[in-house]
């Protein structure tokens, strides 16, 4: 893997290698690390993973890049640091770019996202009452049978994405019926990005046993106070050495500056403004 610094503008095309560019790596309220949103690029194809409240501003000011460049998106769950910039994204698409945004999304999350988040600001326009489909082209992922939790698969050009239900905010342990909708993903069968998730070593083990995962970018609460919502640093430290050495930690706050993650066996903390490129 090559790690490359940002320069000039965000790259939405490349030489064909799989690349993950971290717009931000911070937790919900982080300003110094921005929010944990990233852009996958491979050849002529790209996907924005999450569009937090700060993302349109950060793209423009920190990375000299317009949100109009975004054509494809996946949203992992409906917290504001992951979907707070979506209204600007789709209104920009309608009125500035004059095109819809392609979104990989299940029917279940589509309904929740529109009815509980976007409808209030986007339903009415000079053209009358709008719907989700007036702003987005839905790419409905195909369900993958025989898995221990719901999984789906879809492609954006050359990029393959496998989504899986994750455990993020739950009122009952291991219950999807009593939890916020959230997903993690496997990218090209080689990169694991669980998104915001509790510490779930059984889920992690299953994925590592079924896919040849080269690198993991894992949610990490360094404050240690939210075990029921995020995986904590202390929990992740208990993982086997062979797992930790391929794991970069993300979604952290400034307490990470006091931690030597490499000394504890991790690959390190993921950093904003970096391209992680895989041959």
Foldseek 3Di string as FASTA:
>chain_A
DDKDFADAADDQADPFFWKKAFQFFAADPADVRQFGWIWIHGHNHIETEFDALCRQVSRCPVHVHHLLVAAEYEFFFPDRGGHVCVLVSQVCCVPPVNHAHEYEDAPVVQVCCCPPPPVVPPQQDPVGGDGSVVRYDYDYFDWDPDDPFTWTWDDDVPKIKIKTWAQAAAPDPPDPVGGGTGIWIDIPLAETEGDWHADDVVVVVVSVVVGNYQAYEAEEEDVPPCNNGGYYPVNVLPDDLVRQCRYAYGRYHPVLVVDDSVVSRHVYHDGHRMMDTDD
